[in-house]
Amino acid sequence: MTQNELLSKLKTIITPYVQNKEALENLTNETDFIKDLEINSANLVDVVLDVEDAFDIEIDNESMEEMLTVAASIKVIEEKLASK
């Protein structure tokens, strides 16, 4: 799966939780889920659960804590997919 495919799938997953739709339109690797997209911490847990389902992976607590930006999330997803 390419970076663009991962990004597209991740964008689809986070869309229902995003409060700042303008930031979603300008999504980059540096986009911060809490600061830029205004996703609250409770919804971040939902995002992680949705990511686990979508990619058929398991994300441990340590990895979950890293998933605060688009780039960090993609990195975690790639690592988990590689270790399957």
PDB file of N, CA and C in Angstrom:
ATOM      1  N   MET A   1       0.855  -1.186   0.000  1.00  0.00           N
ATOM      2  CA  MET A   1       0.000   0.000   0.000  1.00  0.00           C
ATOM      3  C   MET A   1       0.903   1.254   0.000  1.00  0.00           C
ATOM      4  N   THR A   2       0.621   2.166  -0.888  1.00  0.00           N
ATOM      5  CA  THR A   2       1.451   3.366  -1.023  1.00  0.00           C
ATOM      6  C   THR A   2       1.092   4.401   0.052  1.00  0.00           C
ATOM      7  N   GLN A   3       1.964   5.408   0.196  1.00  0.00           N
ATOM      8  CA  GLN A   3       1.708   6.499   1.144  1.00  0.00           C
ATOM      9  C   GLN A   3       0.384   7.190   0.814  1.00  0.00           C
ATOM     10  N   ASN A   4       0.146   7.418  -0.489  1.00  0.00           N
ATOM     11  CA  ASN A   4      -1.091   8.102  -0.890  1.00  0.00           C
ATOM     12  C   ASN A   4      -2.319   7.276  -0.558  1.00  0.00           C
ATOM     13  N   GLU A   5      -2.228   5.961  -0.740  1.00  0.00           N
ATOM     14  CA  GLU A   5      -3.358   5.089  -0.409  1.00  0.00           C
ATOM     15  C   GLU A   5      -3.615   5.094   1.098  1.00  0.00           C
ATOM     16  N   LEU A   6      -2.526   5.043   1.869  1.00  0.00           N
ATOM     17  CA  LEU A   6      -2.658   5.105   3.325  1.00  0.00           C
ATOM     18  C   LEU A   6      -3.277   6.428   3.756  1.00  0.00           C
ATOM     19  N   LEU A   7      -2.791   7.509   3.180  1.00  0.00           N
ATOM     20  CA  LEU A   7      -3.294   8.843   3.515  1.00  0.00           C
ATOM     21  C   LEU A   7      -4.781   8.960   3.179  1.00  0.00           C
ATOM     22  N   SER A   8      -5.157   8.463   2.025  1.00  0.00           N
ATOM     23  CA  SER A   8      -6.550   8.521   1.603  1.00  0.00           C
ATOM     24  C   SER A   8      -7.451   7.731   2.552  1.00  0.00           C
ATOM     25  N   LYS A   9      -7.008   6.540   2.921  1.00  0.00           N
ATOM     26  CA  LYS A   9      -7.789   5.702   3.820  1.00  0.00           C
ATOM     27  C   LYS A   9      -7.881   6.335   5.209  1.00  0.00           C
ATOM     28  N   LEU A  10      -6.761   6.898   5.671  1.00  0.00           N
ATOM     29  CA  LEU A  10      -6.743   7.561   6.979  1.00  0.00           C
ATOM     30  C   LEU A  10      -7.678   8.771   6.980  1.00  0.00           C
ATOM     31  N   LYS A  11      -7.661   9.532   5.898  1.00  0.00           N
ATOM     32  CA  LYS A  11      -8.531  10.711   5.790  1.00  0.00           C
ATOM     33  C   LYS A  11      -9.997  10.300   5.880  1.00  0.00           C
ATOM     34  N   THR A  12     -10.349   9.208   5.223  1.00  0.00           N
ATOM     35  CA  THR A  12     -11.724   8.700   5.274  1.00  0.00           C
ATOM     36  C   THR A  12     -12.105   8.317   6.699  1.00  0.00           C
ATOM     37  N   ILE A  13     -11.163   7.705   7.419  1.00  0.00           N
ATOM     38  CA  ILE A  13     -11.420   7.266   8.793  1.00  0.00           C
ATOM     39  C   ILE A  13     -11.625   8.451   9.732  1.00  0.00           C
ATOM     40  N   ILE A  14     -10.789   9.484   9.608  1.00  0.00           N
ATOM     41  CA  ILE A  14     -10.867  10.599  10.565  1.00  0.00           C
ATOM     42  C   ILE A  14     -11.970  11.605  10.256  1.00  0.00           C
ATOM     43  N   THR A  15     -12.451  11.642   9.027  1.00  0.00           N
ATOM     44  CA  THR A  15     -13.432  12.646   8.599  1.00  0.00           C
ATOM     45  C   THR A  15     -14.630  12.812   9.539  1.00  0.00           C
ATOM     46  N   PRO A  16     -15.268  11.725  10.000  1.00  0.00           N
ATOM     47  CA  PRO A  16     -16.444  11.927  10.872  1.00  0.00           C
ATOM     48  C   PRO A  16     -16.126  12.595  12.210  1.00  0.00           C
ATOM     49  N   TYR A  17     -14.875  12.579  12.629  1.00  0.00           N
ATOM     50  CA  TYR A  17     -14.495  13.111  13.941  1.00  0.00           C
ATOM     51  C   TYR A  17     -13.938  14.533  13.884  1.00  0.00           C
ATOM     52  N   VAL A  18     -13.688  15.023  12.687  1.00  0.00           N
ATOM     53  CA  VAL A  18     -13.033  16.325  12.507  1.00  0.00           C
ATOM     54  C   VAL A  18     -14.021  17.472  12.761  1.00  0.00           C
ATOM     55  N   GLN A  19     -13.578  18.454  13.569  1.00  0.00           N
ATOM     56  CA  GLN A  19     -14.372  19.647  13.823  1.00  0.00           C
ATOM     57  C   GLN A  19     -13.998  20.769  12.858  1.00  0.00           C
ATOM     58  N   ASN A  20     -12.718  20.825  12.467  1.00  0.00           N
ATOM     59  CA  ASN A  20     -12.228  21.876  11.579  1.00  0.00           C
ATOM     60  C   ASN A  20     -12.143  21.327  10.148  1.00  0.00           C
ATOM     61  N   LYS A  21     -13.228  21.470   9.407  1.00  0.00           N
ATOM     62  CA  LYS A  21     -13.308  20.906   8.054  1.00  0.00           C
ATOM     63  C   LYS A  21     -12.314  21.558   7.094  1.00  0.00           C
ATOM     64  N   GLU A  22     -12.003  22.834   7.312  1.00  0.00           N
ATOM     65  CA  GLU A  22     -11.041  23.523   6.444  1.00  0.00           C
ATOM     66  C   GLU A  22      -9.652  22.889   6.565  1.00  0.00           C
ATOM     67  N   ALA A  23      -9.258  22.550   7.781  1.00  0.00           N
ATOM     68  CA  ALA A  23      -7.962  21.893   7.994  1.00  0.00           C
ATOM     69  C   ALA A  23      -7.946  20.510   7.341  1.00  0.00           C
ATOM     70  N   LEU A  24      -9.091  19.851   7.334  1.00  0.00           N
ATOM     71  CA  LEU A  24      -9.189  18.534   6.691  1.00  0.00           C
ATOM     72  C   LEU A  24      -8.944  18.653   5.192  1.00  0.00           C
ATOM     73  N   GLU A  25      -9.460  19.712   4.586  1.00  0.00           N
ATOM     74  CA  GLU A  25      -9.266  19.931   3.150  1.00  0.00           C
ATOM     75  C   GLU A  25      -7.789  20.144   2.804  1.00  0.00           C
ATOM     76  N   ASN A  26      -7.027  20.684   3.754  1.00  0.00           N
ATOM     77  CA  ASN A  26      -5.609  20.979   3.534  1.00  0.00           C
ATOM     78  C   ASN A  26      -4.714  19.998   4.280  1.00  0.00           C
ATOM     79  N   LEU A  27      -5.168  18.760   4.402  1.00  0.00           N
ATOM     80  CA  LEU A  27      -4.458  17.733   5.158  1.00  0.00           C
ATOM     81  C   LEU A  27      -3.046  17.504   4.616  1.00  0.00           C
ATOM     82  N   THR A  28      -2.059  17.508   5.513  1.00  0.00           N
ATOM     83  CA  THR A  28      -0.667  17.205   5.158  1.00  0.00           C
ATOM     84  C   THR A  28      -0.116  16.220   6.183  1.00  0.00           C
ATOM     85  N   ASN A  29       1.109  15.763   5.978  1.00  0.00           N
ATOM     86  CA  ASN A  29       1.742  14.867   6.944  1.00  0.00           C
ATOM     87  C   ASN A  29       1.922  15.529   8.302  1.00  0.00           C
ATOM     88  N   GLU A  30       2.035  16.860   8.309  1.00  0.00           N
ATOM     89  CA  GLU A  30       2.257  17.586   9.553  1.00  0.00           C
ATOM     90  C   GLU A  30       0.965  17.902  10.310  1.00  0.00           C
ATOM     91  N   THR A  31      -0.175  17.624   9.712  1.00  0.00           N
ATOM     92  CA  THR A  31      -1.454  17.945  10.346  1.00  0.00           C
ATOM     93  C   THR A  31      -1.586  17.222  11.685  1.00  0.00           C
ATOM     94  N   ASP A  32      -1.893  17.995  12.720  1.00  0.00           N
ATOM     95  CA  ASP A  32      -2.067  17.473  14.074  1.00  0.00           C
ATOM     96  C   ASP A  32      -3.562  17.222  14.307  1.00  0.00           C
ATOM     97  N   PHE A  33      -3.885  16.021  14.765  1.00  0.00           N
ATOM     98  CA  PHE A  33      -5.295  15.658  14.942  1.00  0.00           C
ATOM     99  C   PHE A  33      -6.003  16.552  15.963  1.00  0.00           C
ATOM    100  N   ILE A  34      -5.330  16.882  17.052  1.00  0.00           N
ATOM    101  CA  ILE A  34      -5.969  17.661  18.114  1.00  0.00           C
ATOM    102  C   ILE A  34      -5.918  19.160  17.810  1.00  0.00           C
ATOM    103  N   LYS A  35      -4.725  19.671  17.507  1.00  0.00           N
ATOM    104  CA  LYS A  35      -4.570  21.117  17.297  1.00  0.00           C
ATOM    105  C   LYS A  35      -5.197  21.598  15.994  1.00  0.00           C
ATOM    106  N   ASP A  36      -4.936  20.886  14.906  1.00  0.00           N
ATOM    107  CA  ASP A  36      -5.393  21.352  13.589  1.00  0.00           C
ATOM    108  C   ASP A  36      -6.812  20.901  13.248  1.00  0.00           C
ATOM    109  N   LEU A  37      -7.087  19.621  13.465  1.00  0.00           N
ATOM    110  CA  LEU A  37      -8.391  19.077  13.080  1.00  0.00           C
ATOM    111  C   LEU A  37      -9.422  19.172  14.195  1.00  0.00           C
ATOM    112  N   GLU A  38      -8.946  19.521  15.402  1.00  0.00           N
ATOM    113  CA  GLU A  38      -9.822  19.684  16.564  1.00  0.00           C
ATOM    114  C   GLU A  38     -10.610  18.418  16.904  1.00  0.00           C
ATOM    115  N   ILE A  39      -9.922  17.272  16.768  1.00  0.00           N
ATOM    116  CA  ILE A  39     -10.515  15.995  17.184  1.00  0.00           C
ATOM    117  C   ILE A  39     -10.252  15.866  18.680  1.00  0.00           C
ATOM    118  N   ASN A  40     -11.302  15.633  19.481  1.00  0.00           N
ATOM    119  CA  ASN A  40     -11.074  15.537  20.929  1.00  0.00           C
ATOM    120  C   ASN A  40     -10.459  14.181  21.286  1.00  0.00           C
ATOM    121  N   SER A  41      -9.887  14.103  22.477  1.00  0.00           N
ATOM    122  CA  SER A  41      -9.128  12.912  22.871  1.00  0.00           C
ATOM    123  C   SER A  41      -9.995  11.650  22.911  1.00  0.00           C
ATOM    124  N   ALA A  42     -11.250  11.785  23.272  1.00  0.00           N
ATOM    125  CA  ALA A  42     -12.141  10.623  23.286  1.00  0.00           C
ATOM    126  C   ALA A  42     -12.335  10.092  21.864  1.00  0.00           C
ATOM    127  N   ASN A  43     -12.471  10.995  20.923  1.00  0.00           N
ATOM    128  CA  ASN A  43     -12.635  10.579  19.524  1.00  0.00           C
ATOM    129  C   ASN A  43     -11.349  10.016  18.939  1.00  0.00           C
ATOM    130  N   LEU A  44     -10.199  10.418  19.487  1.00  0.00           N
ATOM    131  CA  LEU A  44      -8.931   9.847  19.018  1.00  0.00           C
ATOM    132  C   LEU A  44      -8.899   8.346  19.258  1.00  0.00           C
ATOM    133  N   VAL A  45      -9.474   7.912  20.368  1.00  0.00           N
ATOM    134  CA  VAL A  45      -9.563   6.486  20.654  1.00  0.00           C
ATOM    135  C   VAL A  45     -10.419   5.805  19.582  1.00  0.00           C
ATOM    136  N   ASP A  46     -11.520   6.441  19.207  1.00  0.00           N
ATOM    137  CA  ASP A  46     -12.374   5.907  18.144  1.00  0.00           C
ATOM    138  C   ASP A  46     -11.610   5.820  16.823  1.00  0.00           C
ATOM    139  N   VAL A  47     -10.808   6.836  16.538  1.00  0.00           N
ATOM    140  CA  VAL A  47      -9.994   6.839  15.313  1.00  0.00           C
ATOM    141  C   VAL A  47      -9.067   5.626  15.318  1.00  0.00           C
ATOM    142  N   VAL A  48      -8.400   5.393  16.430  1.00  0.00           N
ATOM    143  CA  VAL A  48      -7.472   4.257  16.523  1.00  0.00           C
ATOM    144  C   VAL A  48      -8.221   2.936  16.327  1.00  0.00           C
ATOM    145  N   LEU A  49      -9.378   2.797  16.950  1.00  0.00           N
ATOM    146  CA  LEU A  49     -10.173   1.578  16.785  1.00  0.00           C
ATOM    147  C   LEU A  49     -10.590   1.394  15.329  1.00  0.00           C
ATOM    148  N   ASP A  50     -10.981   2.481  14.681  1.00  0.00           N
ATOM    149  CA  ASP A  50     -11.365   2.416  13.266  1.00  0.00           C
ATOM    150  C   ASP A  50     -10.175   2.058  12.386  1.00  0.00           C
ATOM    151  N   VAL A  51      -8.994   2.584  12.725  1.00  0.00           N
ATOM    152  CA  VAL A  51      -7.770   2.259  11.988  1.00  0.00           C
ATOM    153  C   VAL A  51      -7.465   0.766  12.129  1.00  0.00           C
ATOM    154  N   GLU A  52      -7.604   0.258  13.357  1.00  0.00           N
ATOM    155  CA  GLU A  52      -7.362  -1.176  13.582  1.00  0.00           C
ATOM    156  C   GLU A  52      -8.281  -2.023  12.707  1.00  0.00           C
ATOM    157  N   ASP A  53      -9.553  -1.662  12.658  1.00  0.00           N
ATOM    158  CA  ASP A  53     -10.517  -2.406  11.836  1.00  0.00           C
ATOM    159  C   ASP A  53     -10.211  -2.283  10.346  1.00  0.00           C
ATOM    160  N   ALA A  54      -9.935  -1.078   9.902  1.00  0.00           N
ATOM    161  CA  ALA A  54      -9.730  -0.826   8.471  1.00  0.00           C
ATOM    162  C   ALA A  54      -8.490  -1.529   7.933  1.00  0.00           C
ATOM    163  N   PHE A  55      -7.437  -1.587   8.743  1.00  0.00           N
ATOM    164  CA  PHE A  55      -6.177  -2.163   8.278  1.00  0.00           C
ATOM    165  C   PHE A  55      -5.927  -3.565   8.831  1.00  0.00           C
ATOM    166  N   ASP A  56      -6.861  -4.073   9.655  1.00  0.00           N
ATOM    167  CA  ASP A  56      -6.730  -5.382  10.277  1.00  0.00           C
ATOM    168  C   ASP A  56      -5.406  -5.499  11.036  1.00  0.00           C
ATOM    169  N   ILE A  57      -5.161  -4.522  11.899  1.00  0.00           N
ATOM    170  CA  ILE A  57      -3.947  -4.498  12.721  1.00  0.00           C
ATOM    171  C   ILE A  57      -4.332  -4.256  14.166  1.00  0.00           C
ATOM    172  N   GLU A  58      -3.364  -4.483  15.079  1.00  0.00           N
ATOM    173  CA  GLU A  58      -3.583  -4.199  16.490  1.00  0.00           C
ATOM    174  C   GLU A  58      -2.589  -3.130  16.916  1.00  0.00           C
ATOM    175  N   ILE A  59      -3.096  -2.073  17.525  1.00  0.00           N
ATOM    176  CA  ILE A  59      -2.260  -0.952  17.932  1.00  0.00           C
ATOM    177  C   ILE A  59      -2.171  -0.931  19.454  1.00  0.00           C
ATOM    178  N   ASP A  60      -0.940  -1.091  19.965  1.00  0.00           N
ATOM    179  CA  ASP A  60      -0.731  -1.089  21.410  1.00  0.00           C
ATOM    180  C   ASP A  60      -0.798   0.338  21.944  1.00  0.00           C
ATOM    181  N   ASN A  61      -0.871   0.460  23.267  1.00  0.00           N
ATOM    182  CA  ASN A  61      -1.014   1.783  23.895  1.00  0.00           C
ATOM    183  C   ASN A  61       0.139   2.712  23.563  1.00  0.00           C
ATOM    184  N   GLU A  62       1.366   2.182  23.540  1.00  0.00           N
ATOM    185  CA  GLU A  62       2.527   3.017  23.242  1.00  0.00           C
ATOM    186  C   GLU A  62       2.419   3.611  21.835  1.00  0.00           C
ATOM    187  N   SER A  63       2.034   2.788  20.878  1.00  0.00           N
ATOM    188  CA  SER A  63       1.864   3.265  19.496  1.00  0.00           C
ATOM    189  C   SER A  63       0.710   4.244  19.400  1.00  0.00           C
ATOM    190  N   MET A  64      -0.355   3.960  20.137  1.00  0.00           N
ATOM    191  CA  MET A  64      -1.531   4.833  20.104  1.00  0.00           C
ATOM    192  C   MET A  64      -1.167   6.241  20.568  1.00  0.00           C
ATOM    193  N   GLU A  65      -0.313   6.341  21.577  1.00  0.00           N
ATOM    194  CA  GLU A  65       0.096   7.647  22.103  1.00  0.00           C
ATOM    195  C   GLU A  65       0.900   8.451  21.088  1.00  0.00           C
ATOM    196  N   GLU A  66       1.534   7.761  20.139  1.00  0.00           N
ATOM    197  CA  GLU A  66       2.320   8.437  19.106  1.00  0.00           C
ATOM    198  C   GLU A  66       1.442   9.007  17.990  1.00  0.00           C
ATOM    199  N   MET A  67       0.242   8.479  17.836  1.00  0.00           N
ATOM    200  CA  MET A  67      -0.607   8.802  16.687  1.00  0.00           C
ATOM    201  C   MET A  67      -1.332  10.141  16.852  1.00  0.00           C
ATOM    202  N   LEU A  68      -0.552  11.220  16.884  1.00  0.00           N
ATOM    203  CA  LEU A  68      -1.142  12.548  17.057  1.00  0.00           C
ATOM    204  C   LEU A  68      -1.102  13.377  15.776  1.00  0.00           C
ATOM    205  N   THR A  69      -0.285  12.953  14.819  1.00  0.00           N
ATOM    206  CA  THR A  69      -0.220  13.645  13.528  1.00  0.00           C
ATOM    207  C   THR A  69      -0.454  12.627  12.419  1.00  0.00           C
ATOM    208  N   VAL A  70      -0.690  13.138  11.239  1.00  0.00           N
ATOM    209  CA  VAL A  70      -0.902  12.262  10.086  1.00  0.00           C
ATOM    210  C   VAL A  70       0.341  11.407   9.841  1.00  0.00           C
ATOM    211  N   ALA A  71       1.518  12.033   9.820  1.00  0.00           N
ATOM    212  CA  ALA A  71       2.763  11.305   9.537  1.00  0.00           C
ATOM    213  C   ALA A  71       3.024  10.228  10.585  1.00  0.00           C
ATOM    214  N   ALA A  72       2.839  10.557  11.854  1.00  0.00           N
ATOM    215  CA  ALA A  72       3.067   9.586  12.927  1.00  0.00           C
ATOM    216  C   ALA A  72       2.094   8.414  12.812  1.00  0.00           C
ATOM    217  N   SER A  73       0.866   8.708  12.456  1.00  0.00           N
ATOM    218  CA  SER A  73      -0.144   7.654  12.304  1.00  0.00           C
ATOM    219  C   SER A  73       0.199   6.732  11.147  1.00  0.00           C
ATOM    220  N   ILE A  74       0.600   7.304  10.036  1.00  0.00           N
ATOM    221  CA  ILE A  74       0.976   6.497   8.873  1.00  0.00           C
ATOM    222  C   ILE A  74       2.181   5.619   9.206  1.00  0.00           C
ATOM    223  N   LYS A  75       3.136   6.184   9.952  1.00  0.00           N
ATOM    224  CA  LYS A  75       4.320   5.419  10.361  1.00  0.00           C
ATOM    225  C   LYS A  75       3.907   4.209  11.202  1.00  0.00           C
ATOM    226  N   VAL A  76       3.030   4.413  12.177  1.00  0.00           N
ATOM    227  CA  VAL A  76       2.558   3.323  13.035  1.00  0.00           C
ATOM    228  C   VAL A  76       1.820   2.281  12.196  1.00  0.00           C
ATOM    229  N   ILE A  77       0.954   2.729  11.311  1.00  0.00           N
ATOM    230  CA  ILE A  77       0.196   1.800  10.462  1.00  0.00           C
ATOM    231  C   ILE A  77       1.154   0.972   9.604  1.00  0.00           C
ATOM    232  N   GLU A  78       2.143   1.628   8.990  1.00  0.00           N
ATOM    233  CA  GLU A  78       3.107   0.907   8.152  1.00  0.00           C
ATOM    234  C   GLU A  78       3.885  -0.124   8.961  1.00  0.00           C
ATOM    235  N   GLU A  79       4.313   0.256  10.175  1.00  0.00           N
ATOM    236  CA  GLU A  79       5.041  -0.677  11.040  1.00  0.00           C
ATOM    237  C   GLU A  79       4.189  -1.885  11.401  1.00  0.00           C
ATOM    238  N   LYS A  80       2.925  -1.641  11.735  1.00  0.00           N
ATOM    239  CA  LYS A  80       2.033  -2.736  12.123  1.00  0.00           C
ATOM    240  C   LYS A  80       1.725  -3.642  10.923  1.00  0.00           C
ATOM    241  N   LEU A  81       1.546  -3.044   9.745  1.00  0.00           N
ATOM    242  CA  LEU A  81       1.290  -3.845   8.543  1.00  0.00           C
ATOM    243  C   LEU A  81       2.510  -4.702   8.192  1.00  0.00           C
ATOM    244  N   ALA A  82       3.700  -4.137   8.379  1.00  0.00           N
ATOM    245  CA  ALA A  82       4.938  -4.854   8.054  1.00  0.00           C
ATOM    246  C   ALA A  82       5.171  -6.034   8.992  1.00  0.00           C
ATOM    247  N   SER A  83       4.684  -5.905  10.234  1.00  0.00           N
ATOM    248  CA  SER A  83       4.925  -6.968  11.207  1.00  0.00           C
ATOM    249  C   SER A  83       3.820  -8.029  11.224  1.00  0.00           C
ATOM    250  N   LYS A  84       2.868  -7.933  10.303  1.00  0.00           N
ATOM    251  CA  LYS A  84       1.782  -8.912  10.226  1.00  0.00           C
ATOM    252  C   LYS A  84       2.274 -10.225   9.666  1.00  0.00           C
TER     253      LYS A  84
END
